[in-house]
Amino acid sequence: MNHVDKQKLVLIVGLLLTVSGIVMLFNCVSFGTSLASGWLAEQGGAASETYHIVISSYIESFLVAGGIFLGFGLLFGTIFIYRGGLHQE
């Protein structure tokens, strides 16, 4: 694996992480609600307070994971730019 291939890999991983992080951040409510509804159906019902805690936890999990993915994606992008892009030395 030469220098250009490594740089392309860093770019692709960075872009994938960034895009997936943005998607998770902007859709965390719908993802969290869907998972919480599935949990509620699996339980066969639950108290509203418990359901609220579960839905909040799922939403916050997607917020945290999306933020981490976005952060690492931007880090990989910064490394790619700092190393000079796809130019060979």
PDB file of N, CA and C in Angstrom:
ATOM      1  N   MET A   1       0.846  -1.169   0.000  1.00  0.00           N
ATOM      2  CA  MET A   1       0.000   0.000   0.000  1.00  0.00           C
ATOM      3  C   MET A   1       0.899   1.243   0.000  1.00  0.00           C
ATOM      4  N   ASN A   2       0.837   1.998  -1.073  1.00  0.00           N
ATOM      5  CA  ASN A   2       1.698   3.172  -1.177  1.00  0.00           C
ATOM      6  C   ASN A   2       1.054   4.401  -0.508  1.00  0.00           C
ATOM      7  N   HIS A   3       1.747   5.508  -0.592  1.00  0.00           N
ATOM      8  CA  HIS A   3       1.325   6.735   0.080  1.00  0.00           C
ATOM      9  C   HIS A   3      -0.034   7.228  -0.415  1.00  0.00           C
ATOM     10  N   VAL A   4      -0.261   7.191  -1.715  1.00  0.00           N
ATOM     11  CA  VAL A   4      -1.511   7.690  -2.288  1.00  0.00           C
ATOM     12  C   VAL A   4      -2.684   6.815  -1.852  1.00  0.00           C
ATOM     13  N   ASP A   5      -2.475   5.498  -1.806  1.00  0.00           N
ATOM     14  CA  ASP A   5      -3.534   4.601  -1.367  1.00  0.00           C
ATOM     15  C   ASP A   5      -3.900   4.853   0.088  1.00  0.00           C
ATOM     16  N   LYS A   6      -2.918   5.107   0.925  1.00  0.00           N
ATOM     17  CA  LYS A   6      -3.186   5.398   2.327  1.00  0.00           C
ATOM     18  C   LYS A   6      -3.961   6.705   2.475  1.00  0.00           C
ATOM     19  N   GLN A   7      -3.585   7.701   1.675  1.00  0.00           N
ATOM     20  CA  GLN A   7      -4.284   8.979   1.726  1.00  0.00           C
ATOM     21  C   GLN A   7      -5.729   8.845   1.246  1.00  0.00           C
ATOM     22  N   LYS A   8      -5.935   8.031   0.202  1.00  0.00           N
ATOM     23  CA  LYS A   8      -7.301   7.795  -0.282  1.00  0.00           C
ATOM     24  C   LYS A   8      -8.129   7.090   0.786  1.00  0.00           C
ATOM     25  N   LEU A   9      -7.528   6.139   1.478  1.00  0.00           N
ATOM     26  CA  LEU A   9      -8.219   5.428   2.544  1.00  0.00           C
ATOM     27  C   LEU A   9      -8.610   6.382   3.666  1.00  0.00           C
ATOM     28  N   VAL A  10      -7.702   7.263   4.045  1.00  0.00           N
ATOM     29  CA  VAL A  10      -8.000   8.247   5.095  1.00  0.00           C
ATOM     30  C   VAL A  10      -9.136   9.157   4.646  1.00  0.00           C
ATOM     31  N   LEU A  11      -9.115   9.576   3.392  1.00  0.00           N
ATOM     32  CA  LEU A  11     -10.169  10.439   2.864  1.00  0.00           C
ATOM     33  C   LEU A  11     -11.519   9.721   2.860  1.00  0.00           C
ATOM     34  N   ILE A  12     -11.548   8.490   2.383  1.00  0.00           N
ATOM     35  CA  ILE A  12     -12.807   7.741   2.303  1.00  0.00           C
ATOM     36  C   ILE A  12     -13.367   7.476   3.694  1.00  0.00           C
ATOM     37  N   VAL A  13     -12.525   7.049   4.620  1.00  0.00           N
ATOM     38  CA  VAL A  13     -12.987   6.792   5.990  1.00  0.00           C
ATOM     39  C   VAL A  13     -13.484   8.086   6.626  1.00  0.00           C
ATOM     40  N   GLY A  14     -12.767   9.165   6.410  1.00  0.00           N
ATOM     41  CA  GLY A  14     -13.183  10.454   6.952  1.00  0.00           C
ATOM     42  C   GLY A  14     -14.523  10.909   6.411  1.00  0.00           C
ATOM     43  N   LEU A  15     -14.714  10.760   5.109  1.00  0.00           N
ATOM     44  CA  LEU A  15     -15.989  11.152   4.503  1.00  0.00           C
ATOM     45  C   LEU A  15     -17.134  10.283   5.006  1.00  0.00           C
ATOM     46  N   LEU A  16     -16.912   8.976   5.100  1.00  0.00           N
ATOM     47  CA  LEU A  16     -17.961   8.080   5.588  1.00  0.00           C
ATOM     48  C   LEU A  16     -18.335   8.394   7.038  1.00  0.00           C
ATOM     49  N   LEU A  17     -17.334   8.627   7.869  1.00  0.00           N
ATOM     50  CA  LEU A  17     -17.614   8.961   9.260  1.00  0.00           C
ATOM     51  C   LEU A  17     -18.352  10.295   9.379  1.00  0.00           C
ATOM     52  N   THR A  18     -17.932  11.272   8.596  1.00  0.00           N
ATOM     53  CA  THR A  18     -18.572  12.585   8.642  1.00  0.00           C
ATOM     54  C   THR A  18     -20.026  12.504   8.205  1.00  0.00           C
ATOM     55  N   VAL A  19     -20.270  11.847   7.087  1.00  0.00           N
ATOM     56  CA  VAL A  19     -21.640  11.739   6.579  1.00  0.00           C
ATOM     57  C   VAL A  19     -22.520  10.944   7.540  1.00  0.00           C
ATOM     58  N   SER A  20     -22.005   9.827   8.049  1.00  0.00           N
ATOM     59  CA  SER A  20     -22.817   9.036   8.972  1.00  0.00           C
ATOM     60  C   SER A  20     -23.062   9.802  10.273  1.00  0.00           C
ATOM     61  N   GLY A  21     -22.096  10.570  10.728  1.00  0.00           N
ATOM     62  CA  GLY A  21     -22.294  11.387  11.921  1.00  0.00           C
ATOM     63  C   GLY A  21     -23.358  12.449  11.725  1.00  0.00           C
ATOM     64  N   ILE A  22     -23.330  13.105  10.580  1.00  0.00           N
ATOM     65  CA  ILE A  22     -24.339  14.128  10.290  1.00  0.00           C
ATOM     66  C   ILE A  22     -25.724  13.504  10.194  1.00  0.00           C
ATOM     67  N   VAL A  23     -25.823  12.352   9.534  1.00  0.00           N
ATOM     68  CA  VAL A  23     -27.117  11.663   9.419  1.00  0.00           C
ATOM     69  C   VAL A  23     -27.632  11.273  10.800  1.00  0.00           C
ATOM     70  N   MET A  24     -26.754  10.758  11.643  1.00  0.00           N
ATOM     71  CA  MET A  24     -27.180  10.366  12.985  1.00  0.00           C
ATOM     72  C   MET A  24     -27.608  11.574  13.816  1.00  0.00           C
ATOM     73  N   LEU A  25     -26.915  12.682  13.669  1.00  0.00           N
ATOM     74  CA  LEU A  25     -27.277  13.879  14.430  1.00  0.00           C
ATOM     75  C   LEU A  25     -28.619  14.448  13.996  1.00  0.00           C
ATOM     76  N   PHE A  26     -28.859  14.511  12.689  1.00  0.00           N
ATOM     77  CA  PHE A  26     -30.095  15.110  12.216  1.00  0.00           C
ATOM     78  C   PHE A  26     -31.301  14.179  12.318  1.00  0.00           C
ATOM     79  N   ASN A  27     -31.074  12.884  12.428  1.00  0.00           N
ATOM     80  CA  ASN A  27     -32.180  11.933  12.508  1.00  0.00           C
ATOM     81  C   ASN A  27     -32.234  11.215  13.844  1.00  0.00           C
ATOM     82  N   CYS A  28     -31.586  11.733  14.858  1.00  0.00           N
ATOM     83  CA  CYS A  28     -31.537  11.040  16.148  1.00  0.00           C
ATOM     84  C   CYS A  28     -32.918  10.872  16.755  1.00  0.00           C
ATOM     85  N   VAL A  29     -33.802  11.832  16.549  1.00  0.00           N
ATOM     86  CA  VAL A  29     -35.137  11.728  17.135  1.00  0.00           C
ATOM     87  C   VAL A  29     -35.927  10.603  16.479  1.00  0.00           C
ATOM     88  N   SER A  30     -35.899  10.523  15.159  1.00  0.00           N
ATOM     89  CA  SER A  30     -36.658   9.457  14.496  1.00  0.00           C
ATOM     90  C   SER A  30     -36.041   8.088  14.764  1.00  0.00           C
ATOM     91  N   PHE A  31     -34.707   8.000  14.777  1.00  0.00           N
ATOM     92  CA  PHE A  31     -34.063   6.722  15.100  1.00  0.00           C
ATOM     93  C   PHE A  31     -34.385   6.300  16.536  1.00  0.00           C
ATOM     94  N   GLY A  32     -34.264   7.227  17.468  1.00  0.00           N
ATOM     95  CA  GLY A  32     -34.539   6.927  18.866  1.00  0.00           C
ATOM     96  C   GLY A  32     -35.987   6.549  19.112  1.00  0.00           C
ATOM     97  N   THR A  33     -36.904   7.248  18.448  1.00  0.00           N
ATOM     98  CA  THR A  33     -38.324   6.940  18.593  1.00  0.00           C
ATOM     99  C   THR A  33     -38.645   5.560  18.039  1.00  0.00           C
ATOM    100  N   SER A  34     -38.046   5.230  16.909  1.00  0.00           N
ATOM    101  CA  SER A  34     -38.279   3.905  16.317  1.00  0.00           C
ATOM    102  C   SER A  34     -37.777   2.795  17.227  1.00  0.00           C
ATOM    103  N   LEU A  35     -36.581   2.950  17.768  1.00  0.00           N
ATOM    104  CA  LEU A  35     -36.043   1.935  18.667  1.00  0.00           C
ATOM    105  C   LEU A  35     -36.856   1.841  19.953  1.00  0.00           C
ATOM    106  N   ALA A  36     -37.289   2.972  20.475  1.00  0.00           N
ATOM    107  CA  ALA A  36     -38.091   2.955  21.700  1.00  0.00           C
ATOM    108  C   ALA A  36     -39.458   2.323  21.447  1.00  0.00           C
ATOM    109  N   SER A  37     -40.039   2.558  20.282  1.00  0.00           N
ATOM    110  CA  SER A  37     -41.313   1.917  19.951  1.00  0.00           C
ATOM    111  C   SER A  37     -41.148   0.410  19.835  1.00  0.00           C
ATOM    112  N   GLY A  38     -40.036  -0.024  19.254  1.00  0.00           N
ATOM    113  CA  GLY A  38     -39.750  -1.453  19.188  1.00  0.00           C
ATOM    114  C   GLY A  38     -39.566  -2.042  20.574  1.00  0.00           C
ATOM    115  N   TRP A  39     -38.893  -1.313  21.463  1.00  0.00           N
ATOM    116  CA  TRP A  39     -38.721  -1.770  22.837  1.00  0.00           C
ATOM    117  C   TRP A  39     -40.072  -1.890  23.536  1.00  0.00           C
ATOM    118  N   LEU A  40     -40.944  -0.901  23.314  1.00  0.00           N
ATOM    119  CA  LEU A  40     -42.261  -0.907  23.947  1.00  0.00           C
ATOM    120  C   LEU A  40     -43.098  -2.081  23.455  1.00  0.00           C
ATOM    121  N   ALA A  41     -43.044  -2.362  22.160  1.00  0.00           N
ATOM    122  CA  ALA A  41     -43.784  -3.497  21.612  1.00  0.00           C
ATOM    123  C   ALA A  41     -43.247  -4.817  22.164  1.00  0.00           C
ATOM    124  N   GLU A  42     -41.930  -4.898  22.325  1.00  0.00           N
ATOM    125  CA  GLU A  42     -41.305  -6.106  22.870  1.00  0.00           C
ATOM    126  C   GLU A  42     -41.698  -6.323  24.329  1.00  0.00           C
ATOM    127  N   GLN A  43     -41.809  -5.229  25.082  1.00  0.00           N
ATOM    128  CA  GLN A  43     -42.192  -5.320  26.493  1.00  0.00           C
ATOM    129  C   GLN A  43     -43.676  -5.609  26.661  1.00  0.00           C
ATOM    130  N   GLY A  44     -44.464  -5.280  25.663  1.00  0.00           N
ATOM    131  CA  GLY A  44     -45.907  -5.454  25.771  1.00  0.00           C
ATOM    132  C   GLY A  44     -46.578  -4.319  26.519  1.00  0.00           C
ATOM    133  N   GLY A  45     -45.881  -3.220  26.657  1.00  0.00           N
ATOM    134  CA  GLY A  45     -46.416  -2.061  27.360  1.00  0.00           C
ATOM    135  C   GLY A  45     -45.495  -1.671  28.507  1.00  0.00           C
ATOM    136  N   ALA A  46     -45.591  -0.417  28.904  1.00  0.00           N
ATOM    137  CA  ALA A  46     -44.779   0.076  30.010  1.00  0.00           C
ATOM    138  C   ALA A  46     -45.395   1.381  30.505  1.00  0.00           C
ATOM    139  N   ALA A  47     -44.980   1.788  31.683  1.00  0.00           N
ATOM    140  CA  ALA A  47     -45.440   3.062  32.225  1.00  0.00           C
ATOM    141  C   ALA A  47     -44.891   4.205  31.372  1.00  0.00           C
ATOM    142  N   SER A  48     -45.633   5.285  31.335  1.00  0.00           N
ATOM    143  CA  SER A  48     -45.228   6.396  30.478  1.00  0.00           C
ATOM    144  C   SER A  48     -43.892   7.000  30.920  1.00  0.00           C
ATOM    145  N   GLU A  49     -43.626   6.994  32.227  1.00  0.00           N
ATOM    146  CA  GLU A  49     -42.347   7.524  32.706  1.00  0.00           C
ATOM    147  C   GLU A  49     -41.186   6.663  32.214  1.00  0.00           C
ATOM    148  N   THR A  50     -41.387   5.364  32.255  1.00  0.00           N
ATOM    149  CA  THR A  50     -40.351   4.445  31.788  1.00  0.00           C
ATOM    150  C   THR A  50     -40.120   4.611  30.296  1.00  0.00           C
ATOM    151  N   TYR A  51     -41.222   4.742  29.540  1.00  0.00           N
ATOM    152  CA  TYR A  51     -41.101   4.938  28.092  1.00  0.00           C
ATOM    153  C   TYR A  51     -40.366   6.242  27.797  1.00  0.00           C
ATOM    154  N   HIS A  52     -40.643   7.275  28.539  1.00  0.00           N
ATOM    155  CA  HIS A  52     -39.967   8.558  28.334  1.00  0.00           C
ATOM    156  C   HIS A  52     -38.471   8.435  28.597  1.00  0.00           C
ATOM    157  N   ILE A  53     -38.097   7.704  29.634  1.00  0.00           N
ATOM    158  CA  ILE A  53     -36.678   7.496  29.929  1.00  0.00           C
ATOM    159  C   ILE A  53     -36.004   6.717  28.802  1.00  0.00           C
ATOM    160  N   VAL A  54     -36.674   5.685  28.318  1.00  0.00           N
ATOM    161  CA  VAL A  54     -36.105   4.864  27.245  1.00  0.00           C
ATOM    162  C   VAL A  54     -35.950   5.675  25.970  1.00  0.00           C
ATOM    163  N   ILE A  55     -36.968   6.421  25.598  1.00  0.00           N
ATOM    164  CA  ILE A  55     -36.889   7.204  24.355  1.00  0.00           C
ATOM    165  C   ILE A  55     -35.807   8.282  24.477  1.00  0.00           C
ATOM    166  N   SER A  56     -35.703   8.918  25.632  1.00  0.00           N
ATOM    167  CA  SER A  56     -34.658   9.931  25.834  1.00  0.00           C
ATOM    168  C   SER A  56     -33.273   9.305  25.758  1.00  0.00           C
ATOM    169  N   SER A  57     -33.133   8.120  26.321  1.00  0.00           N
ATOM    170  CA  SER A  57     -31.836   7.431  26.294  1.00  0.00           C
ATOM    171  C   SER A  57     -31.428   7.072  24.874  1.00  0.00           C
ATOM    172  N   TYR A  58     -32.375   6.558  24.089  1.00  0.00           N
ATOM    173  CA  TYR A  58     -32.056   6.218  22.696  1.00  0.00           C
ATOM    174  C   TYR A  58     -31.680   7.466  21.897  1.00  0.00           C
ATOM    175  N   ILE A  59     -32.417   8.546  22.087  1.00  0.00           N
ATOM    176  CA  ILE A  59     -32.117   9.782  21.357  1.00  0.00           C
ATOM    177  C   ILE A  59     -30.728  10.300  21.747  1.00  0.00           C
ATOM    178  N   GLU A  60     -30.434  10.301  23.033  1.00  0.00           N
ATOM    179  CA  GLU A  60     -29.122  10.776  23.482  1.00  0.00           C
ATOM    180  C   GLU A  60     -27.996   9.869  22.999  1.00  0.00           C
ATOM    181  N   SER A  61     -28.264   8.574  22.898  1.00  0.00           N
ATOM    182  CA  SER A  61     -27.254   7.651  22.379  1.00  0.00           C
ATOM    183  C   SER A  61     -26.905   7.981  20.935  1.00  0.00           C
ATOM    184  N   PHE A  62     -27.921   8.273  20.140  1.00  0.00           N
ATOM    185  CA  PHE A  62     -27.650   8.644  18.752  1.00  0.00           C
ATOM    186  C   PHE A  62     -26.970  10.006  18.655  1.00  0.00           C
ATOM    187  N   LEU A  63     -27.300  10.922  19.555  1.00  0.00           N
ATOM    188  CA  LEU A  63     -26.606  12.216  19.568  1.00  0.00           C
ATOM    189  C   LEU A  63     -25.126  12.046  19.876  1.00  0.00           C
ATOM    190  N   VAL A  64     -24.827  11.242  20.875  1.00  0.00           N
ATOM    191  CA  VAL A  64     -23.428  11.031  21.263  1.00  0.00           C
ATOM    192  C   VAL A  64     -22.672  10.300  20.156  1.00  0.00           C
ATOM    193  N   ALA A  65     -23.253   9.226  19.643  1.00  0.00           N
ATOM    194  CA  ALA A  65     -22.587   8.458  18.584  1.00  0.00           C
ATOM    195  C   ALA A  65     -22.396   9.308  17.331  1.00  0.00           C
ATOM    196  N   GLY A  66     -23.400  10.109  16.966  1.00  0.00           N
ATOM    197  CA  GLY A  66     -23.270  10.986  15.808  1.00  0.00           C
ATOM    198  C   GLY A  66     -22.200  12.034  15.998  1.00  0.00           C
ATOM    199  N   GLY A  67     -22.111  12.573  17.199  1.00  0.00           N
ATOM    200  CA  GLY A  67     -21.066  13.544  17.493  1.00  0.00           C
ATOM    201  C   GLY A  67     -19.677  12.939  17.432  1.00  0.00           C
ATOM    202  N   ILE A  68     -19.550  11.717  17.941  1.00  0.00           N
ATOM    203  CA  ILE A  68     -18.256  11.038  17.893  1.00  0.00           C
ATOM    204  C   ILE A  68     -17.871  10.734  16.448  1.00  0.00           C
ATOM    205  N   PHE A  69     -18.812  10.216  15.675  1.00  0.00           N
ATOM    206  CA  PHE A  69     -18.528   9.923  14.261  1.00  0.00           C
ATOM    207  C   PHE A  69     -18.153  11.189  13.516  1.00  0.00           C
ATOM    208  N   LEU A  70     -18.902  12.261  13.734  1.00  0.00           N
ATOM    209  CA  LEU A  70     -18.604  13.524  13.060  1.00  0.00           C
ATOM    210  C   LEU A  70     -17.232  14.042  13.476  1.00  0.00           C
ATOM    211  N   GLY A  71     -16.923  13.964  14.756  1.00  0.00           N
ATOM    212  CA  GLY A  71     -15.618  14.430  15.232  1.00  0.00           C
ATOM    213  C   GLY A  71     -14.466  13.656  14.625  1.00  0.00           C
ATOM    214  N   PHE A  72     -14.579  12.320  14.606  1.00  0.00           N
ATOM    215  CA  PHE A  72     -13.517  11.525  14.006  1.00  0.00           C
ATOM    216  C   PHE A  72     -13.441  11.732  12.496  1.00  0.00           C
ATOM    217  N   GLY A  73     -14.588  11.929  11.851  1.00  0.00           N
ATOM    218  CA  GLY A  73     -14.571  12.205  10.417  1.00  0.00           C
ATOM    219  C   GLY A  73     -13.862  13.509  10.103  1.00  0.00           C
ATOM    220  N   LEU A  74     -14.130  14.526  10.895  1.00  0.00           N
ATOM    221  CA  LEU A  74     -13.447  15.803  10.692  1.00  0.00           C
ATOM    222  C   LEU A  74     -11.964  15.696  11.027  1.00  0.00           C
ATOM    223  N   LEU A  75     -11.636  14.882  12.029  1.00  0.00           N
ATOM    224  CA  LEU A  75     -10.229  14.649  12.357  1.00  0.00           C
ATOM    225  C   LEU A  75      -9.500  13.983  11.189  1.00  0.00           C
ATOM    226  N   PHE A  76     -10.113  12.955  10.611  1.00  0.00           N
ATOM    227  CA  PHE A  76      -9.510  12.289   9.456  1.00  0.00           C
ATOM    228  C   PHE A  76      -9.387  13.254   8.276  1.00  0.00           C
ATOM    229  N   GLY A  77     -10.400  14.116   8.081  1.00  0.00           N
ATOM    230  CA  GLY A  77     -10.320  15.107   7.017  1.00  0.00           C
ATOM    231  C   GLY A  77      -9.203  16.105   7.239  1.00  0.00           C
ATOM    232  N   THR A  78      -9.020  16.508   8.492  1.00  0.00           N
ATOM    233  CA  THR A  78      -7.939  17.426   8.828  1.00  0.00           C
ATOM    234  C   THR A  78      -6.583  16.776   8.593  1.00  0.00           C
ATOM    235  N   ILE A  79      -6.461  15.516   8.983  1.00  0.00           N
ATOM    236  CA  ILE A  79      -5.208  14.790   8.733  1.00  0.00           C
ATOM    237  C   ILE A  79      -4.943  14.702   7.237  1.00  0.00           C
ATOM    238  N   PHE A  80      -5.980  14.428   6.462  1.00  0.00           N
ATOM    239  CA  PHE A  80      -5.838  14.339   5.009  1.00  0.00           C
ATOM    240  C   PHE A  80      -5.344  15.661   4.431  1.00  0.00           C
ATOM    241  N   ILE A  81      -5.942  16.768   4.855  1.00  0.00           N
ATOM    242  CA  ILE A  81      -5.542  18.079   4.337  1.00  0.00           C
ATOM    243  C   ILE A  81      -4.135  18.435   4.816  1.00  0.00           C
ATOM    244  N   TYR A  82      -3.839  18.157   6.083  1.00  0.00           N
ATOM    245  CA  TYR A  82      -2.524  18.489   6.638  1.00  0.00           C
ATOM    246  C   TYR A  82      -1.403  17.740   5.919  1.00  0.00           C
ATOM    247  N   ARG A  83      -1.692  16.516   5.531  1.00  0.00           N
ATOM    248  CA  ARG A  83      -0.677  15.693   4.861  1.00  0.00           C
ATOM    249  C   ARG A  83      -0.528  16.031   3.380  1.00  0.00           C
ATOM    250  N   GLY A  84      -1.289  16.971   2.889  1.00  0.00           N
ATOM    251  CA  GLY A  84      -1.101  17.440   1.517  1.00  0.00           C
ATOM    252  C   GLY A  84      -2.042  16.828   0.497  1.00  0.00           C
ATOM    253  N   GLY A  85      -3.141  16.283   0.926  1.00  0.00           N
ATOM    254  CA  GLY A  85      -4.085  15.721  -0.023  1.00  0.00           C
ATOM    255  C   GLY A  85      -3.569  14.483  -0.692  1.00  0.00           C
ATOM    256  N   LEU A  86      -3.793  14.375  -1.991  1.00  0.00           N
ATOM    257  CA  LEU A  86      -3.371  13.201  -2.746  1.00  0.00           C
ATOM    258  C   LEU A  86      -2.064  13.399  -3.503  1.00  0.00           C
ATOM    259  N   HIS A  87      -1.341  14.456  -3.183  1.00  0.00           N
ATOM    260  CA  HIS A  87      -0.065  14.713  -3.860  1.00  0.00           C
ATOM    261  C   HIS A  87       1.013  13.770  -3.352  1.00  0.00           C
ATOM    262  N   GLN A  88       1.743  13.220  -4.279  1.00  0.00           N
ATOM    263  CA  GLN A  88       2.856  12.351  -3.888  1.00  0.00           C
ATOM    264  C   GLN A  88       4.083  13.214  -3.627  1.00  0.00           C
ATOM    265  N   GLU A  89       4.855  12.776  -2.664  1.00  0.00           N
ATOM    266  CA  GLU A  89       6.092  13.517  -2.353  1.00  0.00           C
ATOM    267  C   GLU A  89       7.256  12.871  -3.016  1.00  0.00           C
TER     268      GLU A  89
END
